[in-house]
C-alpha atoms as a PDB file:
ATOM      1  CA  MET A   1      -0.163  -0.005   0.144  1.00  0.00           C
ATOM      2  CA  ARG A   2       2.923   2.168   0.410  1.00  0.00           C
ATOM      3  CA  ARG A   3       4.649   1.376  -2.410  1.00  0.00           C
ATOM      4  CA  ILE A   4       0.861   2.843  -4.391  1.00  0.00           C
ATOM      5  CA  PHE A   5       1.311   6.161  -1.602  1.00  0.00           C
ATOM      6  CA  ARG A   6       4.595   7.091  -3.146  1.00  0.00           C
ATOM      7  CA  PHE A   7       4.101   6.339  -7.197  1.00  0.00           C
ATOM      8  CA  LEU A   8       0.645   8.890  -6.774  1.00  0.00           C
ATOM      9  CA  LYS A   9       2.762  10.852  -5.424  1.00  0.00           C
ATOM     10  CA  ALA A  10       5.626  10.750  -7.022  1.00  0.00           C
ATOM     11  CA  TYR A  11       3.026  10.986 -10.623  1.00  0.00           C
ATOM     12  CA  TRP A  12       1.349  13.427  -9.205  1.00  0.00           C
ATOM     13  CA  ASN A  13       4.510  15.901  -8.753  1.00  0.00           C
ATOM     14  CA  TYR A  14       5.379  14.708 -11.944  1.00  0.00           C
ATOM     15  CA  LEU A  15       2.074  16.285 -13.309  1.00  0.00           C
ATOM     16  CA  LEU A  16       1.823  19.284 -12.149  1.00  0.00           C
ATOM     17  CA  TYR A  17       6.047  19.979 -11.668  1.00  0.00           C
ATOM     18  CA  GLY A  18       7.991  17.772 -13.589  1.00  0.00           C
ATOM     19  CA  ASP A  19       9.129  17.121 -17.252  1.00  0.00           C
ATOM     20  CA  GLN A  20      10.847  13.995 -19.219  1.00  0.00           C
ATOM     21  CA  VAL A  21      14.767  14.683 -18.198  1.00  0.00           C
ATOM     22  CA  THR A  22      16.847  14.768 -21.666  1.00  0.00           C
ATOM     23  CA  PHE A  23      17.827  11.023 -23.209  1.00  0.00           C
ATOM     24  CA  ASP A  24      21.711  11.286 -21.811  1.00  0.00           C
ATOM     25  CA  GLU A  25      20.350  11.855 -18.413  1.00  0.00           C
ATOM     26  CA  TYR A  26      18.164   9.045 -18.865  1.00  0.00           C
ATOM     27  CA  VAL A  27      20.960   6.644 -19.991  1.00  0.00           C
ATOM     28  CA  ARG A  28      23.382   8.367 -17.252  1.00  0.00           C
ATOM     29  CA  ARG A  29      20.722   7.396 -14.310  1.00  0.00           C
ATOM     30  CA  LEU A  30      19.935   3.991 -15.938  1.00  0.00           C
ATOM     31  CA  THR A  31      23.594   3.166 -16.141  1.00  0.00           C
ATOM     32  CA  ILE A  32      24.003   4.456 -12.292  1.00  0.00           C
ATOM     33  CA  CYS A  33      20.820   1.864 -11.723  1.00  0.00           C
ATOM     34  CA  ARG A  34      22.109  -1.051 -13.514  1.00  0.00           C
ATOM     35  CA  ASP A  35      25.391  -0.814 -11.700  1.00  0.00           C
ATOM     36  CA  CYS A  36      23.626  -0.714  -8.153  1.00  0.00           C
ATOM     37  CA  ASP A  37      23.597  -4.000  -6.184  1.00  0.00           C
ATOM     38  CA  CYS A  38      19.742  -2.797  -5.208  1.00  0.00           C
ATOM     39  CA  ILE A  39      18.014  -3.298  -8.322  1.00  0.00           C
ATOM     40  CA  ASP A  40      16.510  -6.136  -9.373  1.00  0.00           C
ATOM     41  CA  ILE A  41      17.506  -6.830 -12.981  1.00  0.00           C
ATOM     42  CA  GLU A  42      14.666  -9.098 -14.367  1.00  0.00           C
ATOM     43  CA  LYS A  43      12.394  -6.702 -13.060  1.00  0.00           C
ATOM     44  CA  TYR A  44      14.445  -3.517 -13.231  1.00  0.00           C
ATOM     45  CA  GLN A  45      13.073  -2.790 -10.381  1.00  0.00           C
ATOM     46  CA  CYS A  46      14.821  -1.142  -6.942  1.00  0.00           C
ATOM     47  CA  LYS A  47      14.992  -2.796  -3.862  1.00  0.00           C
ATOM     48  CA  LYS A  48      14.730  -0.107  -1.581  1.00  0.00           C
ATOM     49  CA  CYS A  49      12.433   1.553  -2.746  1.00  0.00           C
ATOM     50  CA  GLY A  50      10.210  -0.986  -4.606  1.00  0.00           C
ATOM     51  CA  CYS A  51       9.978   1.507  -7.923  1.00  0.00           C
ATOM     52  CA  PHE A  52      10.309   0.468 -11.835  1.00  0.00           C
ATOM     53  CA  MET A  53      13.558   2.271 -12.854  1.00  0.00           C
ATOM     54  CA  ASP A  54      12.760   2.497 -16.147  1.00  0.00           C
ATOM     55  CA  LYS A  55       9.888   4.720 -15.577  1.00  0.00           C
ATOM     56  CA  LYS A  56      11.431   6.777 -12.944  1.00  0.00           C
ATOM     57  CA  CYS A  57      14.207   7.588 -14.277  1.00  0.00           C
ATOM     58  CA  LYS A  58      12.981   9.640 -16.944  1.00  0.00           C
ATOM     59  CA  MET A  59      10.841  11.978 -14.306  1.00  0.00           C
ATOM     60  CA  ASN A  60      12.925  14.746 -13.309  1.00  0.00           C
ATOM     61  CA  THR A  61      11.618  15.583 -10.136  1.00  0.00           C
ATOM     62  CA  GLU A  62      12.116  11.838  -8.716  1.00  0.00           C
ATOM     63  CA  HIS A  63      15.669  11.189  -7.425  1.00  0.00           C
ATOM     64  CA  CYS A  64      17.640   8.061  -6.334  1.00  0.00           C
ATOM     65  CA  VAL A  65      17.081   6.818  -2.748  1.00  0.00           C
ATOM     66  CA  ASP A  66      20.543   6.259  -2.000  1.00  0.00           C
ATOM     67  CA  GLU A  67      20.963  10.167  -3.574  1.00  0.00           C
ATOM     68  CA  LYS A  68      23.366   8.579  -6.596  1.00  0.00           C
ATOM     69  CA  TRP A  69      22.006  10.803  -9.253  1.00  0.00           C
END
């Protein structure tokens, strides 16, 4: 339930204030996530926050929970 609430909050912030990051920034963020040991590569989901990183990395209003990007 907490994960759904966090997603809705993140999506709401994105709709109100956000935009997509540039392609280069998106690739940079995904590369950092891919090399992290907290990622489930099969689902491309962070084990700490539960977010799907291919979606989260596109939003300029979002950030890594470990503050890596």
